[in-house]
Amino acid sequence: MALVPVKAFADAKQRLGPALSPRARSHLARAMAERVLAAARPLPVAVVCDDLAVAGWARGRGALVIWEPGRGLNGAVEAGVVHLASMGVDQVTVAHGDLPYAAGLASVGARPGITLVPDRARNGTNVVVVPTGCGFRFAYGPGSFARHQSEADRLGLPVHVIDDPCLALDIDEPADVWSLLAEPIGSELLR
């Protein structure tokens, strides 16, 4: 199963303020999240959120909504994984909603253990595949890729790293927007 944490579209991507208006940021966040949900097919998808508009959007796309208000990214993802485990899900593919080129998420978790897909700089972690019952502690933020590798080592689970250019590009900084706008997909996402 795929788990996609999605922040309120109106509040998403504040760091992109120098490059995009609030309305354009909201539109881009929604368009990228839609791509990520589509990229998860044929896996069933859950969206973990704390925003009513996002919950309605997710339900409208056939996703299960896991409501986790006020927990922050790490807490929301961990609670989402626990919730899915309680439903009998054995493995979860956690994919961030800001991957404009997202594709093939269903195949990322084909190997046992933990799979990590780092960002382009191998600093952050854009996709993590974990067995639900292993007690994996998520540690997103700068340097998360190394922390997630260490967490897998702590658990004694094999780690598989996939460097996938489609999943490595996330949109966090104004420079990311400028490079995205230079590509045909950029104008499509901002339409």
N, C-alpha and C. Protein backbone atom coordinates (compact mmCIF):
# COMPACT_ATOMS: atom_id res chain seq x y z
N MET A 1 0.85 -1.18 0.00
CA MET A 1 0.00 0.00 0.00
C MET A 1 0.89 1.23 0.00
N ALA A 2 0.44 2.29 -0.63
CA ALA A 2 1.17 3.56 -0.66
C ALA A 2 0.57 4.50 0.38
N LEU A 3 1.43 5.25 1.03
CA LEU A 3 1.02 6.27 1.99
C LEU A 3 1.64 7.58 1.56
N VAL A 4 0.80 8.58 1.33
CA VAL A 4 1.27 9.88 0.85
C VAL A 4 0.88 10.95 1.88
N PRO A 5 1.87 11.53 2.55
CA PRO A 5 1.56 12.65 3.44
C PRO A 5 1.32 13.90 2.61
N VAL A 6 0.20 14.58 2.88
CA VAL A 6 -0.13 15.77 2.10
C VAL A 6 -0.52 16.90 3.06
N LYS A 7 0.21 17.98 2.95
CA LYS A 7 -0.05 19.18 3.74
C LYS A 7 -1.17 19.97 3.07
N ALA A 8 -1.84 20.82 3.83
CA ALA A 8 -2.88 21.69 3.26
C ALA A 8 -2.31 22.40 2.04
N PHE A 9 -3.02 22.31 0.93
CA PHE A 9 -2.51 22.90 -0.31
C PHE A 9 -2.24 24.39 -0.16
N ALA A 10 -3.09 25.09 0.58
CA ALA A 10 -2.92 26.54 0.75
C ALA A 10 -1.66 26.87 1.56
N ASP A 11 -1.21 25.93 2.39
CA ASP A 11 -0.03 26.16 3.23
C ASP A 11 1.23 25.52 2.69
N ALA A 12 1.11 24.75 1.64
CA ALA A 12 2.24 23.98 1.12
C ALA A 12 3.25 24.87 0.40
N LYS A 13 4.49 24.44 0.47
CA LYS A 13 5.57 25.01 -0.34
C LYS A 13 5.78 26.50 -0.10
N GLN A 14 5.74 26.91 1.16
CA GLN A 14 5.96 28.32 1.50
C GLN A 14 7.32 28.82 1.04
N ARG A 15 8.33 27.94 1.04
CA ARG A 15 9.68 28.35 0.62
C ARG A 15 9.74 28.74 -0.85
N LEU A 16 8.70 28.41 -1.60
CA LEU A 16 8.67 28.76 -3.02
C LEU A 16 8.13 30.16 -3.25
N GLY A 17 7.87 30.89 -2.18
CA GLY A 17 7.32 32.24 -2.28
C GLY A 17 8.04 33.16 -3.25
N PRO A 18 9.37 33.17 -3.29
CA PRO A 18 10.06 34.05 -4.23
C PRO A 18 9.81 33.67 -5.70
N ALA A 19 9.37 32.44 -5.96
CA ALA A 19 9.19 31.99 -7.34
C ALA A 19 7.73 31.92 -7.77
N LEU A 20 6.82 31.74 -6.80
CA LEU A 20 5.42 31.52 -7.15
C LEU A 20 4.48 32.26 -6.20
N SER A 21 3.36 32.68 -6.73
CA SER A 21 2.33 33.30 -5.91
C SER A 21 1.69 32.24 -5.01
N PRO A 22 0.99 32.65 -3.96
CA PRO A 22 0.31 31.66 -3.11
C PRO A 22 -0.64 30.75 -3.91
N ARG A 23 -1.36 31.32 -4.85
CA ARG A 23 -2.28 30.51 -5.66
C ARG A 23 -1.51 29.51 -6.52
N ALA A 24 -0.42 29.94 -7.13
CA ALA A 24 0.38 29.03 -7.96
C ALA A 24 1.02 27.94 -7.11
N ARG A 25 1.46 28.27 -5.90
CA ARG A 25 2.03 27.25 -5.01
C ARG A 25 0.99 26.20 -4.66
N SER A 26 -0.21 26.66 -4.33
CA SER A 26 -1.29 25.73 -3.99
C SER A 26 -1.62 24.83 -5.17
N HIS A 27 -1.71 25.43 -6.35
CA HIS A 27 -2.01 24.65 -7.56
C HIS A 27 -0.90 23.62 -7.84
N LEU A 28 0.35 24.04 -7.72
CA LEU A 28 1.47 23.13 -7.96
C LEU A 28 1.47 21.99 -6.94
N ALA A 29 1.24 22.29 -5.68
CA ALA A 29 1.21 21.25 -4.65
C ALA A 29 0.13 20.21 -4.95
N ARG A 30 -1.04 20.66 -5.35
CA ARG A 30 -2.14 19.75 -5.68
C ARG A 30 -1.80 18.92 -6.93
N ALA A 31 -1.26 19.56 -7.94
CA ALA A 31 -0.94 18.84 -9.19
C ALA A 31 0.14 17.79 -8.95
N MET A 32 1.14 18.11 -8.14
CA MET A 32 2.18 17.12 -7.87
C MET A 32 1.63 15.97 -7.03
N ALA A 33 0.80 16.27 -6.05
CA ALA A 33 0.20 15.21 -5.23
C ALA A 33 -0.66 14.29 -6.10
N GLU A 34 -1.37 14.85 -7.06
CA GLU A 34 -2.17 14.02 -7.97
C GLU A 34 -1.27 13.08 -8.77
N ARG A 35 -0.12 13.57 -9.21
CA ARG A 35 0.84 12.72 -9.95
C ARG A 35 1.34 11.58 -9.08
N VAL A 36 1.61 11.88 -7.81
CA VAL A 36 2.11 10.84 -6.91
C VAL A 36 1.05 9.78 -6.68
N LEU A 37 -0.19 10.18 -6.47
CA LEU A 37 -1.26 9.19 -6.30
C LEU A 37 -1.39 8.33 -7.55
N ALA A 38 -1.32 8.94 -8.71
CA ALA A 38 -1.41 8.17 -9.96
C ALA A 38 -0.22 7.24 -10.12
N ALA A 39 0.97 7.68 -9.70
CA ALA A 39 2.19 6.87 -9.84
C ALA A 39 2.17 5.65 -8.93
N ALA A 40 1.33 5.66 -7.91
CA ALA A 40 1.25 4.53 -6.99
C ALA A 40 0.44 3.36 -7.55
N ARG A 41 -0.38 3.62 -8.54
CA ARG A 41 -1.20 2.54 -9.10
C ARG A 41 -0.33 1.40 -9.58
N PRO A 42 -0.72 0.17 -9.37
CA PRO A 42 -2.02 -0.32 -8.91
C PRO A 42 -2.13 -0.49 -7.39
N LEU A 43 -1.15 0.01 -6.62
CA LEU A 43 -1.25 -0.09 -5.17
C LEU A 43 -2.45 0.72 -4.67
N PRO A 44 -3.13 0.24 -3.63
CA PRO A 44 -4.10 1.10 -2.97
C PRO A 44 -3.35 2.24 -2.30
N VAL A 45 -4.02 3.38 -2.15
CA VAL A 45 -3.35 4.58 -1.63
C VAL A 45 -4.09 5.12 -0.42
N ALA A 46 -3.31 5.53 0.57
CA ALA A 46 -3.83 6.26 1.73
C ALA A 46 -3.14 7.61 1.75
N VAL A 47 -3.87 8.63 2.13
CA VAL A 47 -3.32 9.97 2.30
C VAL A 47 -3.42 10.30 3.78
N VAL A 48 -2.30 10.65 4.38
CA VAL A 48 -2.29 11.09 5.77
C VAL A 48 -2.26 12.61 5.75
N CYS A 49 -3.20 13.22 6.48
CA CYS A 49 -3.33 14.68 6.42
C CYS A 49 -4.01 15.20 7.67
N ASP A 50 -4.06 16.53 7.75
CA ASP A 50 -4.79 17.18 8.84
C ASP A 50 -5.57 18.39 8.31
N ASP A 51 -6.01 18.29 7.07
CA ASP A 51 -6.72 19.39 6.42
C ASP A 51 -7.98 18.85 5.76
N LEU A 52 -9.12 19.47 6.02
CA LEU A 52 -10.40 18.97 5.48
C LEU A 52 -10.44 19.02 3.97
N ALA A 53 -9.88 20.07 3.36
CA ALA A 53 -9.89 20.16 1.90
C ALA A 53 -9.04 19.05 1.29
N VAL A 54 -7.89 18.76 1.88
CA VAL A 54 -7.04 17.68 1.39
C VAL A 54 -7.76 16.34 1.57
N ALA A 55 -8.42 16.15 2.70
CA ALA A 55 -9.15 14.91 2.94
C ALA A 55 -10.24 14.71 1.88
N GLY A 56 -10.98 15.76 1.56
CA GLY A 56 -12.01 15.67 0.53
C GLY A 56 -11.42 15.38 -0.84
N TRP A 57 -10.31 16.05 -1.15
CA TRP A 57 -9.60 15.82 -2.41
C TRP A 57 -9.16 14.37 -2.50
N ALA A 58 -8.57 13.84 -1.43
CA ALA A 58 -8.06 12.46 -1.42
C ALA A 58 -9.21 11.45 -1.59
N ARG A 59 -10.29 11.66 -0.86
CA ARG A 59 -11.44 10.74 -1.00
C ARG A 59 -11.97 10.77 -2.43
N GLY A 60 -11.98 11.96 -3.03
CA GLY A 60 -12.45 12.10 -4.41
C GLY A 60 -11.58 11.36 -5.42
N ARG A 61 -10.38 10.99 -5.01
CA ARG A 61 -9.47 10.24 -5.88
C ARG A 61 -9.36 8.79 -5.45
N GLY A 62 -10.29 8.37 -4.58
CA GLY A 62 -10.34 6.98 -4.17
C GLY A 62 -9.34 6.57 -3.11
N ALA A 63 -8.70 7.53 -2.47
CA ALA A 63 -7.70 7.22 -1.44
C ALA A 63 -8.37 7.11 -0.07
N LEU A 64 -7.82 6.23 0.73
CA LEU A 64 -8.19 6.16 2.14
C LEU A 64 -7.59 7.38 2.82
N VAL A 65 -8.34 8.02 3.70
CA VAL A 65 -7.83 9.19 4.42
C VAL A 65 -7.50 8.78 5.85
N ILE A 66 -6.29 9.07 6.26
CA ILE A 66 -5.86 8.85 7.64
C ILE A 66 -5.68 10.23 8.26
N TRP A 67 -6.55 10.55 9.18
CA TRP A 67 -6.59 11.89 9.79
C TRP A 67 -5.63 11.93 10.98
N GLU A 68 -4.62 12.76 10.90
CA GLU A 68 -3.61 12.87 11.97
C GLU A 68 -3.27 14.35 12.19
N PRO A 69 -4.12 15.07 12.90
CA PRO A 69 -3.85 16.50 13.10
C PRO A 69 -2.73 16.79 14.08
N GLY A 70 -1.95 17.82 13.75
CA GLY A 70 -0.96 18.36 14.67
C GLY A 70 0.21 17.46 15.00
N ARG A 71 0.52 16.50 14.18
CA ARG A 71 1.61 15.57 14.51
C ARG A 71 2.91 15.88 13.80
N GLY A 72 2.89 16.79 12.83
CA GLY A 72 4.09 17.03 12.04
C GLY A 72 4.31 15.88 11.08
N LEU A 73 5.25 16.05 10.17
CA LEU A 73 5.46 15.05 9.12
C LEU A 73 5.86 13.69 9.69
N ASN A 74 6.88 13.65 10.54
CA ASN A 74 7.35 12.37 11.06
C ASN A 74 6.26 11.65 11.87
N GLY A 75 5.61 12.37 12.73
CA GLY A 75 4.55 11.77 13.55
C GLY A 75 3.37 11.31 12.72
N ALA A 76 3.01 12.09 11.71
CA ALA A 76 1.88 11.72 10.86
C ALA A 76 2.20 10.46 10.05
N VAL A 77 3.41 10.38 9.51
CA VAL A 77 3.79 9.21 8.72
C VAL A 77 3.84 7.97 9.62
N GLU A 78 4.46 8.10 10.79
CA GLU A 78 4.52 6.95 11.70
C GLU A 78 3.12 6.50 12.09
N ALA A 79 2.24 7.44 12.41
CA ALA A 79 0.86 7.08 12.77
C ALA A 79 0.15 6.44 11.59
N GLY A 80 0.41 6.94 10.38
CA GLY A 80 -0.19 6.34 9.19
C GLY A 80 0.24 4.91 8.99
N VAL A 81 1.53 4.64 9.19
CA VAL A 81 2.04 3.27 9.04
C VAL A 81 1.40 2.36 10.09
N VAL A 82 1.30 2.83 11.34
CA VAL A 82 0.67 2.04 12.40
C VAL A 82 -0.79 1.77 12.05
N HIS A 83 -1.48 2.77 11.55
CA HIS A 83 -2.89 2.61 11.17
C HIS A 83 -3.02 1.54 10.08
N LEU A 84 -2.17 1.61 9.07
CA LEU A 84 -2.24 0.63 7.99
C LEU A 84 -1.89 -0.77 8.49
N ALA A 85 -0.93 -0.87 9.42
CA ALA A 85 -0.59 -2.18 10.01
C ALA A 85 -1.81 -2.76 10.72
N SER A 86 -2.58 -1.90 11.42
CA SER A 86 -3.77 -2.38 12.14
C SER A 86 -4.85 -2.88 11.17
N MET A 87 -4.75 -2.49 9.91
CA MET A 87 -5.69 -2.95 8.88
C MET A 87 -5.17 -4.22 8.19
N GLY A 88 -4.00 -4.70 8.60
CA GLY A 88 -3.44 -5.91 8.02
C GLY A 88 -2.46 -5.68 6.88
N VAL A 89 -2.06 -4.43 6.65
CA VAL A 89 -1.09 -4.13 5.60
C VAL A 89 0.29 -4.52 6.11
N ASP A 90 1.06 -5.26 5.30
CA ASP A 90 2.38 -5.74 5.71
C ASP A 90 3.52 -4.81 5.31
N GLN A 91 3.33 -4.06 4.23
CA GLN A 91 4.40 -3.20 3.72
C GLN A 91 3.80 -1.90 3.22
N VAL A 92 4.49 -0.79 3.49
CA VAL A 92 3.99 0.52 3.08
C VAL A 92 5.08 1.24 2.30
N THR A 93 4.67 1.83 1.18
CA THR A 93 5.53 2.69 0.39
C THR A 93 5.13 4.13 0.70
N VAL A 94 5.99 4.83 1.42
CA VAL A 94 5.73 6.22 1.78
C VAL A 94 6.37 7.09 0.71
N ALA A 95 5.56 7.87 0.03
CA ALA A 95 6.05 8.74 -1.05
C ALA A 95 5.56 10.16 -0.79
N HIS A 96 6.48 11.09 -0.84
CA HIS A 96 6.10 12.49 -0.64
C HIS A 96 5.29 13.00 -1.83
N GLY A 97 4.43 13.95 -1.56
CA GLY A 97 3.53 14.47 -2.57
C GLY A 97 4.12 15.55 -3.45
N ASP A 98 5.43 15.78 -3.40
CA ASP A 98 6.03 16.86 -4.19
C ASP A 98 7.01 16.33 -5.23
N LEU A 99 6.64 15.24 -5.87
CA LEU A 99 7.49 14.59 -6.87
C LEU A 99 6.86 14.76 -8.25
N PRO A 100 7.25 15.78 -9.00
CA PRO A 100 6.57 16.08 -10.26
C PRO A 100 6.73 15.02 -11.34
N TYR A 101 7.78 14.21 -11.26
CA TYR A 101 8.01 13.16 -12.26
C TYR A 101 7.70 11.78 -11.71
N ALA A 102 6.98 11.70 -10.62
CA ALA A 102 6.71 10.41 -9.97
C ALA A 102 6.18 9.39 -10.97
N ALA A 103 6.76 8.20 -10.88
CA ALA A 103 6.33 7.09 -11.74
C ALA A 103 6.80 5.79 -11.09
N GLY A 104 6.06 4.73 -11.32
CA GLY A 104 6.49 3.39 -10.93
C GLY A 104 6.63 3.14 -9.45
N LEU A 105 5.85 3.79 -8.62
CA LEU A 105 5.98 3.59 -7.18
C LEU A 105 5.67 2.16 -6.76
N ALA A 106 4.79 1.49 -7.47
CA ALA A 106 4.40 0.13 -7.10
C ALA A 106 5.58 -0.84 -7.16
N SER A 107 6.55 -0.57 -8.00
CA SER A 107 7.67 -1.50 -8.15
C SER A 107 8.84 -1.19 -7.22
N VAL A 108 8.80 -0.08 -6.52
CA VAL A 108 9.93 0.33 -5.68
C VAL A 108 10.16 -0.66 -4.53
N GLY A 109 9.10 -1.19 -3.97
CA GLY A 109 9.23 -2.06 -2.80
C GLY A 109 9.26 -3.54 -3.12
N ALA A 110 9.88 -3.92 -4.22
CA ALA A 110 9.87 -5.31 -4.65
C ALA A 110 10.80 -6.21 -3.83
N ARG A 111 11.71 -5.63 -3.05
CA ARG A 111 12.68 -6.43 -2.31
C ARG A 111 12.37 -6.40 -0.82
N PRO A 112 12.73 -7.46 -0.10
CA PRO A 112 12.49 -7.47 1.35
C PRO A 112 13.39 -6.47 2.05
N GLY A 113 12.97 -6.06 3.23
CA GLY A 113 13.74 -5.09 4.00
C GLY A 113 13.22 -3.70 3.78
N ILE A 114 14.13 -2.74 3.80
CA ILE A 114 13.78 -1.33 3.66
C ILE A 114 14.38 -0.80 2.37
N THR A 115 13.57 -0.08 1.62
CA THR A 115 14.04 0.54 0.39
C THR A 115 13.98 2.05 0.57
N LEU A 116 15.05 2.71 0.18
CA LEU A 116 15.14 4.17 0.26
C LEU A 116 15.39 4.74 -1.12
N VAL A 117 14.66 5.78 -1.45
CA VAL A 117 14.90 6.53 -2.69
C VAL A 117 15.27 7.95 -2.26
N PRO A 118 16.56 8.30 -2.38
CA PRO A 118 16.99 9.63 -1.96
C PRO A 118 16.64 10.70 -2.99
N ASP A 119 16.74 11.94 -2.55
CA ASP A 119 16.60 13.05 -3.48
C ASP A 119 17.89 13.16 -4.31
N ARG A 120 17.91 14.12 -5.22
CA ARG A 120 19.06 14.27 -6.14
C ARG A 120 20.39 14.47 -5.41
N ALA A 121 20.36 15.14 -4.30
CA ALA A 121 21.59 15.43 -3.55
C ALA A 121 21.94 14.31 -2.57
N ARG A 122 21.11 13.29 -2.51
CA ARG A 122 21.26 12.19 -1.53
C ARG A 122 21.29 12.76 -0.11
N ASN A 123 20.48 13.76 0.10
CA ASN A 123 20.35 14.38 1.41
C ASN A 123 19.01 13.99 2.03
N GLY A 124 17.93 14.23 1.30
CA GLY A 124 16.60 13.89 1.77
C GLY A 124 16.17 12.52 1.28
N THR A 125 14.99 12.09 1.75
CA THR A 125 14.45 10.80 1.36
C THR A 125 13.06 11.02 0.77
N ASN A 126 12.91 10.78 -0.52
CA ASN A 126 11.64 11.03 -1.18
C ASN A 126 10.67 9.86 -1.08
N VAL A 127 11.20 8.63 -1.05
CA VAL A 127 10.37 7.44 -0.93
C VAL A 127 11.05 6.49 0.05
N VAL A 128 10.25 5.92 0.94
CA VAL A 128 10.73 4.91 1.89
C VAL A 128 9.73 3.76 1.85
N VAL A 129 10.23 2.54 1.68
CA VAL A 129 9.38 1.36 1.75
C VAL A 129 9.77 0.59 3.00
N VAL A 130 8.80 0.33 3.87
CA VAL A 130 9.07 -0.35 5.14
C VAL A 130 8.05 -1.44 5.40
N PRO A 131 8.51 -2.53 6.06
CA PRO A 131 7.54 -3.48 6.60
C PRO A 131 6.84 -2.80 7.78
N THR A 132 5.54 -2.92 7.87
CA THR A 132 4.80 -2.15 8.87
C THR A 132 5.12 -2.52 10.30
N GLY A 133 5.47 -3.75 10.56
CA GLY A 133 5.68 -4.19 11.94
C GLY A 133 7.09 -4.03 12.46
N CYS A 134 7.96 -3.34 11.74
CA CYS A 134 9.38 -3.30 12.14
C CYS A 134 9.71 -2.19 13.14
N GLY A 135 8.81 -1.24 13.35
CA GLY A 135 9.08 -0.15 14.28
C GLY A 135 10.00 0.92 13.73
N PHE A 136 10.01 1.09 12.42
CA PHE A 136 10.85 2.09 11.77
C PHE A 136 10.47 3.48 12.26
N ARG A 137 11.48 4.26 12.66
CA ARG A 137 11.25 5.64 13.10
C ARG A 137 11.65 6.59 11.98
N PHE A 138 10.69 7.32 11.48
CA PHE A 138 10.93 8.26 10.39
C PHE A 138 11.60 9.51 10.94
N ALA A 139 12.52 10.07 10.14
CA ALA A 139 13.30 11.24 10.56
C ALA A 139 13.51 12.16 9.37
N TYR A 140 12.41 12.67 8.82
CA TYR A 140 12.50 13.55 7.66
C TYR A 140 13.13 14.88 8.03
N GLY A 141 13.58 15.58 7.00
CA GLY A 141 14.25 16.86 7.15
C GLY A 141 15.64 16.75 6.55
N PRO A 142 16.40 17.84 6.57
CA PRO A 142 17.76 17.79 6.01
C PRO A 142 18.56 16.64 6.62
N GLY A 143 19.22 15.86 5.78
CA GLY A 143 20.01 14.74 6.25
C GLY A 143 19.23 13.47 6.50
N SER A 144 17.97 13.44 6.10
CA SER A 144 17.13 12.27 6.41
C SER A 144 17.60 10.98 5.74
N PHE A 145 18.22 11.09 4.57
CA PHE A 145 18.66 9.88 3.90
C PHE A 145 19.65 9.11 4.78
N ALA A 146 20.63 9.78 5.34
CA ALA A 146 21.60 9.11 6.22
C ALA A 146 20.92 8.60 7.49
N ARG A 147 20.00 9.39 8.05
CA ARG A 147 19.30 8.94 9.26
C ARG A 147 18.45 7.71 8.98
N HIS A 148 17.80 7.69 7.82
CA HIS A 148 16.97 6.52 7.49
C HIS A 148 17.83 5.27 7.24
N GLN A 149 19.01 5.46 6.66
CA GLN A 149 19.93 4.32 6.51
C GLN A 149 20.35 3.80 7.89
N SER A 150 20.66 4.70 8.79
CA SER A 150 21.04 4.31 10.14
C SER A 150 19.90 3.61 10.87
N GLU A 151 18.69 4.07 10.64
CA GLU A 151 17.53 3.44 11.28
C GLU A 151 17.35 2.01 10.78
N ALA A 152 17.52 1.79 9.51
CA ALA A 152 17.43 0.43 8.97
C ALA A 152 18.53 -0.45 9.58
N ASP A 153 19.73 0.11 9.73
CA ASP A 153 20.82 -0.64 10.36
C ASP A 153 20.47 -0.97 11.81
N ARG A 154 19.90 -0.01 12.51
CA ARG A 154 19.51 -0.24 13.91
C ARG A 154 18.53 -1.40 14.02
N LEU A 155 17.63 -1.49 13.04
CA LEU A 155 16.62 -2.55 13.04
C LEU A 155 17.18 -3.88 12.51
N GLY A 156 18.38 -3.84 11.95
CA GLY A 156 18.98 -5.05 11.41
C GLY A 156 18.33 -5.53 10.13
N LEU A 157 17.75 -4.61 9.40
CA LEU A 157 17.08 -4.97 8.14
C LEU A 157 17.95 -4.59 6.94
N PRO A 158 17.87 -5.40 5.89
CA PRO A 158 18.63 -5.03 4.69
C PRO A 158 18.10 -3.72 4.11
N VAL A 159 19.02 -2.92 3.57
CA VAL A 159 18.66 -1.63 2.98
C VAL A 159 18.97 -1.68 1.49
N HIS A 160 17.99 -1.27 0.71
CA HIS A 160 18.16 -1.17 -0.74
C HIS A 160 17.99 0.29 -1.10
N VAL A 161 18.95 0.84 -1.80
CA VAL A 161 18.88 2.23 -2.23
C VAL A 161 18.63 2.24 -3.73
N ILE A 162 17.62 2.99 -4.13
CA ILE A 162 17.28 3.13 -5.54
C ILE A 162 17.49 4.59 -5.93
N ASP A 163 18.41 4.81 -6.85
CA ASP A 163 18.61 6.15 -7.39
C ASP A 163 17.80 6.24 -8.68
N ASP A 164 16.62 6.82 -8.56
CA ASP A 164 15.69 6.92 -9.68
C ASP A 164 15.49 8.40 -10.00
N PRO A 165 15.92 8.86 -11.19
CA PRO A 165 15.82 10.30 -11.48
C PRO A 165 14.39 10.83 -11.45
N CYS A 166 13.41 9.98 -11.75
CA CYS A 166 12.02 10.45 -11.70
C CYS A 166 11.54 10.66 -10.27
N LEU A 167 12.05 9.86 -9.35
CA LEU A 167 11.64 9.98 -7.96
C LEU A 167 12.60 10.85 -7.14
N ALA A 168 13.75 11.16 -7.70
CA ALA A 168 14.75 11.95 -6.98
C ALA A 168 14.46 13.45 -7.02
N LEU A 169 13.67 13.89 -7.99
CA LEU A 169 13.39 15.32 -8.10
C LEU A 169 12.18 15.68 -7.25
N ASP A 170 12.44 16.45 -6.22
CA ASP A 170 11.36 17.02 -5.42
C ASP A 170 11.45 18.54 -5.53
N ILE A 171 10.38 19.20 -5.21
CA ILE A 171 10.31 20.65 -5.38
C ILE A 171 10.27 21.29 -4.00
N ASP A 172 11.43 21.79 -3.57
CA ASP A 172 11.54 22.39 -2.24
C ASP A 172 11.97 23.85 -2.24
N GLU A 173 12.76 24.23 -3.22
CA GLU A 173 13.36 25.57 -3.25
C GLU A 173 13.00 26.29 -4.55
N PRO A 174 13.08 27.63 -4.56
CA PRO A 174 12.79 28.37 -5.79
C PRO A 174 13.60 27.87 -6.99
N ALA A 175 14.86 27.48 -6.79
CA ALA A 175 15.67 26.98 -7.92
C ALA A 175 15.05 25.72 -8.52
N ASP A 176 14.40 24.91 -7.69
CA ASP A 176 13.73 23.71 -8.20
C ASP A 176 12.58 24.10 -9.13
N VAL A 177 11.88 25.18 -8.79
CA VAL A 177 10.77 25.65 -9.63
C VAL A 177 11.31 26.13 -10.97
N TRP A 178 12.41 26.89 -10.94
CA TRP A 178 12.95 27.42 -12.20
C TRP A 178 13.36 26.27 -13.12
N SER A 179 13.99 25.24 -12.56
CA SER A 179 14.38 24.11 -13.42
C SER A 179 13.16 23.34 -13.89
N LEU A 180 12.13 23.25 -13.06
CA LEU A 180 10.90 22.58 -13.47
C LEU A 180 10.21 23.34 -14.59
N LEU A 181 10.21 24.66 -14.49
CA LEU A 181 9.56 25.48 -15.52
C LEU A 181 10.26 25.39 -16.87
N ALA A 182 11.52 25.01 -16.86
CA ALA A 182 12.27 24.85 -18.12
C ALA A 182 11.88 23.55 -18.84
N GLU A 183 11.14 22.69 -18.17
CA GLU A 183 10.72 21.41 -18.74
C GLU A 183 9.25 21.49 -19.16
N PRO A 184 8.84 20.71 -20.15
CA PRO A 184 7.43 20.73 -20.57
C PRO A 184 6.46 20.41 -19.44
N ILE A 185 6.87 19.55 -18.51
CA ILE A 185 5.97 19.19 -17.42
C ILE A 185 5.68 20.38 -16.50
N GLY A 186 6.63 21.32 -16.42
CA GLY A 186 6.47 22.46 -15.54
C GLY A 186 5.24 23.30 -15.88
N SER A 187 5.09 23.61 -17.15
CA SER A 187 3.93 24.41 -17.53
C SER A 187 2.64 23.60 -17.37
N GLU A 188 2.73 22.30 -17.55
CA GLU A 188 1.55 21.44 -17.35
C GLU A 188 1.12 21.45 -15.88
N LEU A 189 2.08 21.36 -14.96
CA LEU A 189 1.76 21.34 -13.54
C LEU A 189 1.28 22.67 -13.04
N LEU A 190 1.69 23.74 -13.68
CA LEU A 190 1.27 25.07 -13.23
C LEU A 190 0.07 25.63 -14.00
N ARG A 191 -0.47 24.82 -14.87
CA ARG A 191 -1.61 25.25 -15.67
C ARG A 191 -2.81 25.50 -14.82
